[in-house]
Amino acid sequence: MCIYPGNPLNDFNFRDPKVVEIDGLEVMLIASTYNGICSVLAYTKRDNEWVFSAVMLQDPDATDCASFECANFAEDSSGYCAIIVSLQDRPRSEGKRRR
């Protein structure tokens, strides 16, 4: 596995890169943890390289899951936006963990 040297993460807990268009820009969303918090990171393309841009979403209350996964972006015709994620390894109500 090749880890991008410009990656701001101090660990290897990142998942499921997804390239979407936001306001006319190509943005790569990566589900991850950042500083121990479930997060979605955004990278934009500059000079044909992906550059870390921002933490798009964090949930400090999501302490019962290992990471976000499967990040996606949706926007409707009126301009409302949503980032959609799944919670990796979160316990289910019957006590089993979702893998």
PDB file of N, CA and C in Angstrom:
ATOM      1  N   MET A   1       0.841  -1.166   0.000  1.00  0.00           N
ATOM      2  CA  MET A   1       0.000   0.000   0.000  1.00  0.00           C
ATOM      3  C   MET A   1       0.890   1.234   0.000  1.00  0.00           C
ATOM      4  N   CYS A   2       0.566   2.185  -0.838  1.00  0.00           N
ATOM      5  CA  CYS A   2       1.315   3.429  -0.906  1.00  0.00           C
ATOM      6  C   CYS A   2       0.532   4.507  -0.156  1.00  0.00           C
ATOM      7  N   ILE A   3       1.133   5.108   0.843  1.00  0.00           N
ATOM      8  CA  ILE A   3       0.516   6.196   1.590  1.00  0.00           C
ATOM      9  C   ILE A   3       1.049   7.502   1.024  1.00  0.00           C
ATOM     10  N   TYR A   4       0.146   8.380   0.623  1.00  0.00           N
ATOM     11  CA  TYR A   4       0.538   9.666   0.064  1.00  0.00           C
ATOM     12  C   TYR A   4       1.331  10.461   1.098  1.00  0.00           C
ATOM     13  N   PRO A   5       2.544  10.940   0.760  1.00  0.00           N
ATOM     14  CA  PRO A   5       3.386  11.614   1.745  1.00  0.00           C
ATOM     15  C   PRO A   5       2.782  12.915   2.271  1.00  0.00           C
ATOM     16  N   GLY A   6       1.858  13.537   1.546  1.00  0.00           N
ATOM     17  CA  GLY A   6       1.218  14.763   2.012  1.00  0.00           C
ATOM     18  C   GLY A   6       0.026  14.513   2.903  1.00  0.00           C
ATOM     19  N   ASN A   7      -0.220  13.257   3.256  1.00  0.00           N
ATOM     20  CA  ASN A   7      -1.351  12.878   4.094  1.00  0.00           C
ATOM     21  C   ASN A   7      -1.209  13.503   5.485  1.00  0.00           C
ATOM     22  N   PRO A   8      -2.229  14.244   5.974  1.00  0.00           N
ATOM     23  CA  PRO A   8      -2.116  14.883   7.284  1.00  0.00           C
ATOM     24  C   PRO A   8      -2.331  13.933   8.452  1.00  0.00           C
ATOM     25  N   LEU A   9      -2.686  12.688   8.167  1.00  0.00           N
ATOM     26  CA  LEU A   9      -2.987  11.746   9.244  1.00  0.00           C
ATOM     27  C   LEU A   9      -1.717  11.206   9.873  1.00  0.00           C
ATOM     28  N   ASN A  10      -1.795  10.937  11.148  1.00  0.00           N
ATOM     29  CA  ASN A  10      -0.679  10.311  11.834  1.00  0.00           C
ATOM     30  C   ASN A  10      -0.865   8.805  11.927  1.00  0.00           C
ATOM     31  N   ASP A  11      -1.972   8.303  11.425  1.00  0.00           N
ATOM     32  CA  ASP A  11      -2.221   6.866  11.446  1.00  0.00           C
ATOM     33  C   ASP A  11      -2.665   6.427  10.056  1.00  0.00           C
ATOM     34  N   PHE A  12      -3.008   5.166   9.921  1.00  0.00           N
ATOM     35  CA  PHE A  12      -3.386   4.635   8.614  1.00  0.00           C
ATOM     36  C   PHE A  12      -4.875   4.346   8.532  1.00  0.00           C
ATOM     37  N   ASN A  13      -5.660   4.951   9.389  1.00  0.00           N
ATOM     38  CA  ASN A  13      -7.094   4.693   9.404  1.00  0.00           C
ATOM     39  C   ASN A  13      -7.809   5.621   8.435  1.00  0.00           C
ATOM     40  N   PHE A  14      -7.738   5.306   7.178  1.00  0.00           N
ATOM     41  CA  PHE A  14      -8.479   6.050   6.170  1.00  0.00           C
ATOM     42  C   PHE A  14      -9.105   5.052   5.214  1.00  0.00           C
ATOM     43  N   ARG A  15     -10.228   5.446   4.622  1.00  0.00           N
ATOM     44  CA  ARG A  15     -10.999   4.486   3.844  1.00  0.00           C
ATOM     45  C   ARG A  15     -11.698   5.154   2.674  1.00  0.00           C
ATOM     46  N   ASP A  16     -11.879   4.390   1.632  1.00  0.00           N
ATOM     47  CA  ASP A  16     -12.874   4.651   0.600  1.00  0.00           C
ATOM     48  C   ASP A  16     -12.797   6.039  -0.040  1.00  0.00           C
ATOM     49  N   PRO A  17     -11.701   6.375  -0.727  1.00  0.00           N
ATOM     50  CA  PRO A  17     -11.665   7.670  -1.404  1.00  0.00           C
ATOM     51  C   PRO A  17     -12.776   7.783  -2.434  1.00  0.00           C
ATOM     52  N   LYS A  18     -13.379   8.945  -2.499  1.00  0.00           N
ATOM     53  CA  LYS A  18     -14.478   9.202  -3.444  1.00  0.00           C
ATOM     54  C   LYS A  18     -14.259  10.578  -4.050  1.00  0.00           C
ATOM     55  N   VAL A  19     -14.182  10.670  -5.379  1.00  0.00           N
ATOM     56  CA  VAL A  19     -14.007  11.954  -6.053  1.00  0.00           C
ATOM     57  C   VAL A  19     -15.378  12.462  -6.470  1.00  0.00           C
ATOM     58  N   VAL A  20     -15.675  13.694  -6.048  1.00  0.00           N
ATOM     59  CA  VAL A  20     -16.955  14.331  -6.348  1.00  0.00           C
ATOM     60  C   VAL A  20     -16.678  15.734  -6.870  1.00  0.00           C
ATOM     61  N   GLU A  21     -17.707  16.363  -7.439  1.00  0.00           N
ATOM     62  CA  GLU A  21     -17.586  17.750  -7.860  1.00  0.00           C
ATOM     63  C   GLU A  21     -18.359  18.622  -6.889  1.00  0.00           C
ATOM     64  N   ILE A  22     -17.673  19.632  -6.332  1.00  0.00           N
ATOM     65  CA  ILE A  22     -18.298  20.581  -5.414  1.00  0.00           C
ATOM     66  C   ILE A  22     -17.947  21.980  -5.907  1.00  0.00           C
ATOM     67  N   ASP A  23     -18.954  22.760  -6.234  1.00  0.00           N
ATOM     68  CA  ASP A  23     -18.749  24.125  -6.749  1.00  0.00           C
ATOM     69  C   ASP A  23     -17.767  24.165  -7.914  1.00  0.00           C
ATOM     70  N   GLY A  24     -17.851  23.180  -8.795  1.00  0.00           N
ATOM     71  CA  GLY A  24     -17.006  23.143  -9.977  1.00  0.00           C
ATOM     72  C   GLY A  24     -15.602  22.625  -9.745  1.00  0.00           C
ATOM     73  N   LEU A  25     -15.274  22.231  -8.513  1.00  0.00           N
ATOM     74  CA  LEU A  25     -13.946  21.683  -8.206  1.00  0.00           C
ATOM     75  C   LEU A  25     -14.011  20.178  -8.035  1.00  0.00           C
ATOM     76  N   GLU A  26     -12.959  19.491  -8.478  1.00  0.00           N
ATOM     77  CA  GLU A  26     -12.811  18.073  -8.173  1.00  0.00           C
ATOM     78  C   GLU A  26     -12.335  17.964  -6.737  1.00  0.00           C
ATOM     79  N   VAL A  27     -13.081  17.256  -5.914  1.00  0.00           N
ATOM     80  CA  VAL A  27     -12.737  17.088  -4.501  1.00  0.00           C
ATOM     81  C   VAL A  27     -12.718  15.597  -4.193  1.00  0.00           C
ATOM     82  N   MET A  28     -11.635  15.139  -3.559  1.00  0.00           N
ATOM     83  CA  MET A  28     -11.566  13.754  -3.113  1.00  0.00           C
ATOM     84  C   MET A  28     -11.906  13.728  -1.628  1.00  0.00           C
ATOM     85  N   LEU A  29     -12.954  12.995  -1.287  1.00  0.00           N
ATOM     86  CA  LEU A  29     -13.352  12.813   0.102  1.00  0.00           C
ATOM     87  C   LEU A  29     -12.757  11.510   0.605  1.00  0.00           C
ATOM     88  N   ILE A  30     -12.196  11.540   1.804  1.00  0.00           N
ATOM     89  CA  ILE A  30     -11.648  10.339   2.419  1.00  0.00           C
ATOM     90  C   ILE A  30     -12.233  10.199   3.810  1.00  0.00           C
ATOM     91  N   ALA A  31     -12.874   9.078   4.058  1.00  0.00           N
ATOM     92  CA  ALA A  31     -13.408   8.774   5.384  1.00  0.00           C
ATOM     93  C   ALA A  31     -12.237   8.357   6.264  1.00  0.00           C
ATOM     94  N   SER A  32     -12.233   8.837   7.515  1.00  0.00           N
ATOM     95  CA  SER A  32     -11.052   8.611   8.338  1.00  0.00           C
ATOM     96  C   SER A  32     -11.325   8.924   9.801  1.00  0.00           C
ATOM     97  N   THR A  33     -10.250   8.892  10.564  1.00  0.00           N
ATOM     98  CA  THR A  33     -10.214   9.563  11.862  1.00  0.00           C
ATOM     99  C   THR A  33      -9.103  10.596  11.760  1.00  0.00           C
ATOM    100  N   TYR A  34      -9.287  11.712  12.406  1.00  0.00           N
ATOM    101  CA  TYR A  34      -8.314  12.800  12.395  1.00  0.00           C
ATOM    102  C   TYR A  34      -8.187  13.287  13.824  1.00  0.00           C
ATOM    103  N   ASN A  35      -6.991  13.169  14.379  1.00  0.00           N
ATOM    104  CA  ASN A  35      -6.777  13.477  15.799  1.00  0.00           C
ATOM    105  C   ASN A  35      -7.721  12.671  16.686  1.00  0.00           C
ATOM    106  N   GLY A  36      -7.969  11.419  16.282  1.00  0.00           N
ATOM    107  CA  GLY A  36      -8.794  10.516  17.080  1.00  0.00           C
ATOM    108  C   GLY A  36     -10.289  10.722  16.952  1.00  0.00           C
ATOM    109  N   ILE A  37     -10.733  11.591  16.040  1.00  0.00           N
ATOM    110  CA  ILE A  37     -12.158  11.890  15.877  1.00  0.00           C
ATOM    111  C   ILE A  37     -12.610  11.424  14.496  1.00  0.00           C
ATOM    112  N   CYS A  38     -13.750  10.733  14.420  1.00  0.00           N
ATOM    113  CA  CYS A  38     -14.299  10.317  13.122  1.00  0.00           C
ATOM    114  C   CYS A  38     -14.463  11.549  12.239  1.00  0.00           C
ATOM    115  N   SER A  39     -13.910  11.485  11.018  1.00  0.00           N
ATOM    116  CA  SER A  39     -13.838  12.671  10.160  1.00  0.00           C
ATOM    117  C   SER A  39     -13.978  12.309   8.688  1.00  0.00           C
ATOM    118  N   VAL A  40     -14.302  13.321   7.890  1.00  0.00           N
ATOM    119  CA  VAL A  40     -14.210  13.242   6.435  1.00  0.00           C
ATOM    120  C   VAL A  40     -13.235  14.336   6.010  1.00  0.00           C
ATOM    121  N   LEU A  41     -12.170  13.912   5.318  1.00  0.00           N
ATOM    122  CA  LEU A  41     -11.142  14.842   4.861  1.00  0.00           C
ATOM    123  C   LEU A  41     -11.362  15.168   3.397  1.00  0.00           C
ATOM    124  N   ALA A  42     -11.041  16.403   3.007  1.00  0.00           N
ATOM    125  CA  ALA A  42     -11.194  16.827   1.621  1.00  0.00           C
ATOM    126  C   ALA A  42      -9.828  17.182   1.039  1.00  0.00           C
ATOM    127  N   TYR A  43      -9.580  16.685  -0.165  1.00  0.00           N
ATOM    128  CA  TYR A  43      -8.382  17.019  -0.931  1.00  0.00           C
ATOM    129  C   TYR A  43      -8.847  17.614  -2.247  1.00  0.00           C
ATOM    130  N   THR A  44      -8.171  18.653  -2.735  1.00  0.00           N
ATOM    131  CA  THR A  44      -8.471  19.218  -4.044  1.00  0.00           C
ATOM    132  C   THR A  44      -7.261  19.036  -4.941  1.00  0.00           C
ATOM    133  N   LYS A  45      -7.505  19.059  -6.238  1.00  0.00           N
ATOM    134  CA  LYS A  45      -6.436  18.836  -7.201  1.00  0.00           C
ATOM    135  C   LYS A  45      -5.820  20.182  -7.584  1.00  0.00           C
ATOM    136  N   ARG A  46      -4.513  20.277  -7.384  1.00  0.00           N
ATOM    137  CA  ARG A  46      -3.757  21.471  -7.789  1.00  0.00           C
ATOM    138  C   ARG A  46      -2.519  21.004  -8.529  1.00  0.00           C
ATOM    139  N   ASP A  47      -2.333  21.550  -9.708  1.00  0.00           N
ATOM    140  CA  ASP A  47      -1.192  21.155 -10.546  1.00  0.00           C
ATOM    141  C   ASP A  47      -1.095  19.645 -10.677  1.00  0.00           C
ATOM    142  N   ASN A  48      -2.244  19.025 -10.880  1.00  0.00           N
ATOM    143  CA  ASN A  48      -2.355  17.585 -11.104  1.00  0.00           C
ATOM    144  C   ASN A  48      -1.951  16.726  -9.907  1.00  0.00           C
ATOM    145  N   GLU A  49      -1.968  17.306  -8.689  1.00  0.00           N
ATOM    146  CA  GLU A  49      -1.710  16.556  -7.461  1.00  0.00           C
ATOM    147  C   GLU A  49      -2.819  16.832  -6.464  1.00  0.00           C
ATOM    148  N   TRP A  50      -3.135  15.823  -5.659  1.00  0.00           N
ATOM    149  CA  TRP A  50      -4.132  15.982  -4.608  1.00  0.00           C
ATOM    150  C   TRP A  50      -3.494  16.653  -3.395  1.00  0.00           C
ATOM    151  N   VAL A  51      -4.112  17.745  -2.930  1.00  0.00           N
ATOM    152  CA  VAL A  51      -3.589  18.528  -1.818  1.00  0.00           C
ATOM    153  C   VAL A  51      -4.648  18.583  -0.724  1.00  0.00           C
ATOM    154  N   PHE A  52      -4.248  18.297   0.519  1.00  0.00           N
ATOM    155  CA  PHE A  52      -5.179  18.366   1.644  1.00  0.00           C
ATOM    156  C   PHE A  52      -5.752  19.774   1.731  1.00  0.00           C
ATOM    157  N   SER A  53      -7.096  19.857   1.806  1.00  0.00           N
ATOM    158  CA  SER A  53      -7.763  21.156   1.839  1.00  0.00           C
ATOM    159  C   SER A  53      -8.433  21.447   3.171  1.00  0.00           C
ATOM    160  N   ALA A  54      -9.171  20.454   3.692  1.00  0.00           N
ATOM    161  CA  ALA A  54      -9.965  20.754   4.889  1.00  0.00           C
ATOM    162  C   ALA A  54     -10.502  19.475   5.513  1.00  0.00           C
ATOM    163  N   VAL A  55     -10.864  19.602   6.770  1.00  0.00           N
ATOM    164  CA  VAL A  55     -11.681  18.585   7.424  1.00  0.00           C
ATOM    165  C   VAL A  55     -13.116  19.011   7.152  1.00  0.00           C
ATOM    166  N   MET A  56     -13.848  18.241   6.351  1.00  0.00           N
ATOM    167  CA  MET A  56     -15.210  18.631   5.964  1.00  0.00           C
ATOM    168  C   MET A  56     -16.251  18.275   7.007  1.00  0.00           C
ATOM    169  N   LEU A  57     -15.982  17.229   7.776  1.00  0.00           N
ATOM    170  CA  LEU A  57     -16.955  16.783   8.768  1.00  0.00           C
ATOM    171  C   LEU A  57     -16.215  16.086   9.894  1.00  0.00           C
ATOM    172  N   GLN A  58     -16.596  16.388  11.122  1.00  0.00           N
ATOM    173  CA  GLN A  58     -16.095  15.654  12.281  1.00  0.00           C
ATOM    174  C   GLN A  58     -17.257  15.418  13.228  1.00  0.00           C
ATOM    175  N   ASP A  59     -17.207  14.297  13.938  1.00  0.00           N
ATOM    176  CA  ASP A  59     -18.225  14.003  14.940  1.00  0.00           C
ATOM    177  C   ASP A  59     -17.550  13.514  16.216  1.00  0.00           C
ATOM    178  N   PRO A  60     -17.263  14.442  17.135  1.00  0.00           N
ATOM    179  CA  PRO A  60     -16.606  14.030  18.379  1.00  0.00           C
ATOM    180  C   PRO A  60     -17.484  13.140  19.246  1.00  0.00           C
ATOM    181  N   ASP A  61     -18.787  13.074  18.958  1.00  0.00           N
ATOM    182  CA  ASP A  61     -19.689  12.209  19.723  1.00  0.00           C
ATOM    183  C   ASP A  61     -19.700  10.779  19.211  1.00  0.00           C
ATOM    184  N   ALA A  62     -19.079  10.517  18.069  1.00  0.00           N
ATOM    185  CA  ALA A  62     -19.060   9.165  17.493  1.00  0.00           C
ATOM    186  C   ALA A  62     -17.906   8.372  18.099  1.00  0.00           C
ATOM    187  N   THR A  63     -17.919   8.220  19.405  1.00  0.00           N
ATOM    188  CA  THR A  63     -16.820   7.559  20.106  1.00  0.00           C
ATOM    189  C   THR A  63     -16.951   6.042  20.096  1.00  0.00           C
ATOM    190  N   ASP A  64     -18.106   5.534  19.683  1.00  0.00           N
ATOM    191  CA  ASP A  64     -18.308   4.086  19.703  1.00  0.00           C
ATOM    192  C   ASP A  64     -18.038   3.433  18.353  1.00  0.00           C
ATOM    193  N   CYS A  65     -17.415   4.159  17.431  1.00  0.00           N
ATOM    194  CA  CYS A  65     -17.048   3.550  16.150  1.00  0.00           C
ATOM    195  C   CYS A  65     -15.568   3.799  15.898  1.00  0.00           C
ATOM    196  N   ALA A  66     -14.975   2.966  15.044  1.00  0.00           N
ATOM    197  CA  ALA A  66     -13.549   3.057  14.765  1.00  0.00           C
ATOM    198  C   ALA A  66     -13.224   4.209  13.824  1.00  0.00           C
ATOM    199  N   SER A  67     -14.115   4.465  12.868  1.00  0.00           N
ATOM    200  CA  SER A  67     -13.863   5.474  11.846  1.00  0.00           C
ATOM    201  C   SER A  67     -15.136   5.685  11.045  1.00  0.00           C
ATOM    202  N   PHE A  68     -15.191   6.772  10.291  1.00  0.00           N
ATOM    203  CA  PHE A  68     -16.193   6.880   9.244  1.00  0.00           C
ATOM    204  C   PHE A  68     -15.719   6.014   8.082  1.00  0.00           C
ATOM    205  N   GLU A  69     -16.646   5.631   7.208  1.00  0.00           N
ATOM    206  CA  GLU A  69     -16.286   4.967   5.961  1.00  0.00           C
ATOM    207  C   GLU A  69     -17.308   5.323   4.900  1.00  0.00           C
ATOM    208  N   CYS A  70     -16.955   5.070   3.641  1.00  0.00           N
ATOM    209  CA  CYS A  70     -17.861   5.267   2.499  1.00  0.00           C
ATOM    210  C   CYS A  70     -18.414   6.689   2.423  1.00  0.00           C
ATOM    211  N   ALA A  71     -17.551   7.694   2.542  1.00  0.00           N
ATOM    212  CA  ALA A  71     -18.006   9.089   2.464  1.00  0.00           C
ATOM    213  C   ALA A  71     -18.531   9.402   1.073  1.00  0.00           C
ATOM    214  N   ASN A  72     -19.606  10.178   1.029  1.00  0.00           N
ATOM    215  CA  ASN A  72     -20.164  10.629  -0.239  1.00  0.00           C
ATOM    216  C   ASN A  72     -20.746  12.018  -0.040  1.00  0.00           C
ATOM    217  N   PHE A  73     -21.002  12.700  -1.138  1.00  0.00           N
ATOM    218  CA  PHE A  73     -21.523  14.059  -1.132  1.00  0.00           C
ATOM    219  C   PHE A  73     -22.757  14.098  -2.009  1.00  0.00           C
ATOM    220  N   ALA A  74     -23.777  14.803  -1.553  1.00  0.00           N
ATOM    221  CA  ALA A  74     -24.997  14.964  -2.350  1.00  0.00           C
ATOM    222  C   ALA A  74     -25.457  16.413  -2.259  1.00  0.00           C
ATOM    223  N   GLU A  75     -25.990  16.913  -3.363  1.00  0.00           N
ATOM    224  CA  GLU A  75     -26.530  18.270  -3.403  1.00  0.00           C
ATOM    225  C   GLU A  75     -27.812  18.242  -4.217  1.00  0.00           C
ATOM    226  N   ASP A  76     -28.863  18.898  -3.713  1.00  0.00           N
ATOM    227  CA  ASP A  76     -30.102  18.916  -4.478  1.00  0.00           C
ATOM    228  C   ASP A  76     -30.186  20.194  -5.310  1.00  0.00           C
ATOM    229  N   SER A  77     -31.226  20.316  -6.107  1.00  0.00           N
ATOM    230  CA  SER A  77     -31.343  21.431  -7.041  1.00  0.00           C
ATOM    231  C   SER A  77     -31.488  22.787  -6.351  1.00  0.00           C
ATOM    232  N   SER A  78     -31.869  22.800  -5.083  1.00  0.00           N
ATOM    233  CA  SER A  78     -32.004  24.079  -4.370  1.00  0.00           C
ATOM    234  C   SER A  78     -30.708  24.473  -3.655  1.00  0.00           C
ATOM    235  N   GLY A  79     -29.673  23.628  -3.731  1.00  0.00           N
ATOM    236  CA  GLY A  79     -28.385  23.973  -3.147  1.00  0.00           C
ATOM    237  C   GLY A  79     -28.123  23.372  -1.777  1.00  0.00           C
ATOM    238  N   TYR A  80     -29.075  22.608  -1.240  1.00  0.00           N
ATOM    239  CA  TYR A  80     -28.825  21.940   0.038  1.00  0.00           C
ATOM    240  C   TYR A  80     -27.832  20.804  -0.174  1.00  0.00           C
ATOM    241  N   CYS A  81     -26.883  20.682   0.746  1.00  0.00           N
ATOM    242  CA  CYS A  81     -25.816  19.690   0.623  1.00  0.00           C
ATOM    243  C   CYS A  81     -25.823  18.742   1.810  1.00  0.00           C
ATOM    244  N   ALA A  82     -25.276  17.552   1.580  1.00  0.00           N
ATOM    245  CA  ALA A  82     -25.133  16.580   2.656  1.00  0.00           C
ATOM    246  C   ALA A  82     -23.876  15.757   2.425  1.00  0.00           C
ATOM    247  N   ILE A  83     -23.200  15.444   3.503  1.00  0.00           N
ATOM    248  CA  ILE A  83     -22.127  14.459   3.472  1.00  0.00           C
ATOM    249  C   ILE A  83     -22.695  13.213   4.128  1.00  0.00           C
ATOM    250  N   ILE A  84     -22.581  12.099   3.440  1.00  0.00           N
ATOM    251  CA  ILE A  84     -23.166  10.841   3.897  1.00  0.00           C
ATOM    252  C   ILE A  84     -22.027   9.892   4.256  1.00  0.00           C
ATOM    253  N   VAL A  85     -22.092   9.298   5.437  1.00  0.00           N
ATOM    254  CA  VAL A  85     -21.057   8.369   5.880  1.00  0.00           C
ATOM    255  C   VAL A  85     -21.682   7.166   6.559  1.00  0.00           C
ATOM    256  N   SER A  86     -20.882   6.134   6.686  1.00  0.00           N
ATOM    257  CA  SER A  86     -21.236   4.962   7.469  1.00  0.00           C
ATOM    258  C   SER A  86     -20.269   4.921   8.646  1.00  0.00           C
ATOM    259  N   LEU A  87     -20.715   4.337   9.759  1.00  0.00           N
ATOM    260  CA  LEU A  87     -19.874   4.239  10.945  1.00  0.00           C
ATOM    261  C   LEU A  87     -19.234   2.853  10.994  1.00  0.00           C
ATOM    262  N   GLN A  88     -17.921   2.800  10.871  1.00  0.00           N
ATOM    263  CA  GLN A  88     -17.190   1.528  10.846  1.00  0.00           C
ATOM    264  C   GLN A  88     -17.096   0.940  12.250  1.00  0.00           C
ATOM    265  N   ASP A  89     -17.430  -0.342  12.349  1.00  0.00           N
ATOM    266  CA  ASP A  89     -17.259  -1.121  13.578  1.00  0.00           C
ATOM    267  C   ASP A  89     -18.093  -0.581  14.743  1.00  0.00           C
ATOM    268  N   ARG A  90     -19.252  -0.022  14.448  1.00  0.00           N
ATOM    269  CA  ARG A  90     -20.120   0.499  15.498  1.00  0.00           C
ATOM    270  C   ARG A  90     -20.973  -0.622  16.078  1.00  0.00           C
ATOM    271  N   PRO A  91     -21.136  -0.661  17.401  1.00  0.00           N
ATOM    272  CA  PRO A  91     -21.958  -1.719  17.990  1.00  0.00           C
ATOM    273  C   PRO A  91     -23.427  -1.565  17.605  1.00  0.00           C
ATOM    274  N   ARG A  92     -24.074  -2.683  17.355  1.00  0.00           N
ATOM    275  CA  ARG A  92     -25.500  -2.685  17.052  1.00  0.00           C
ATOM    276  C   ARG A  92     -26.284  -2.862  18.351  1.00  0.00           C
ATOM    277  N   SER A  93     -27.571  -2.651  18.299  1.00  0.00           N
ATOM    278  CA  SER A  93     -28.393  -2.677  19.495  1.00  0.00           C
ATOM    279  C   SER A  93     -28.345  -4.027  20.216  1.00  0.00           C
ATOM    280  N   GLU A  94     -28.169  -5.135  19.482  1.00  0.00           N
ATOM    281  CA  GLU A  94     -28.119  -6.452  20.124  1.00  0.00           C
ATOM    282  C   GLU A  94     -26.718  -6.790  20.642  1.00  0.00           C
ATOM    283  N   GLY A  95     -25.778  -5.840  20.553  1.00  0.00           N
ATOM    284  CA  GLY A  95     -24.452  -6.037  21.130  1.00  0.00           C
ATOM    285  C   GLY A  95     -23.385  -6.466  20.148  1.00  0.00           C
ATOM    286  N   LYS A  96     -23.778  -6.926  18.966  1.00  0.00           N
ATOM    287  CA  LYS A  96     -22.781  -7.334  17.961  1.00  0.00           C
ATOM    288  C   LYS A  96     -22.195  -6.080  17.319  1.00  0.00           C
ATOM    289  N   ARG A  97     -20.945  -6.191  16.878  1.00  0.00           N
ATOM    290  CA  ARG A  97     -20.321  -5.076  16.194  1.00  0.00           C
ATOM    291  C   ARG A  97     -20.466  -5.269  14.687  1.00  0.00           C
ATOM    292  N   ARG A  98     -20.778  -4.185  13.991  1.00  0.00           N
ATOM    293  CA  ARG A  98     -20.913  -4.216  12.536  1.00  0.00           C
ATOM    294  C   ARG A  98     -19.516  -4.124  11.932  1.00  0.00           C
ATOM    295  N   ARG A  99     -19.116  -5.117  11.175  1.00  0.00           N
ATOM    296  CA  ARG A  99     -17.796  -5.131  10.539  1.00  0.00           C
ATOM    297  C   ARG A  99     -17.888  -4.628   9.133  1.00  0.00           C
TER     298      ARG A  99
END
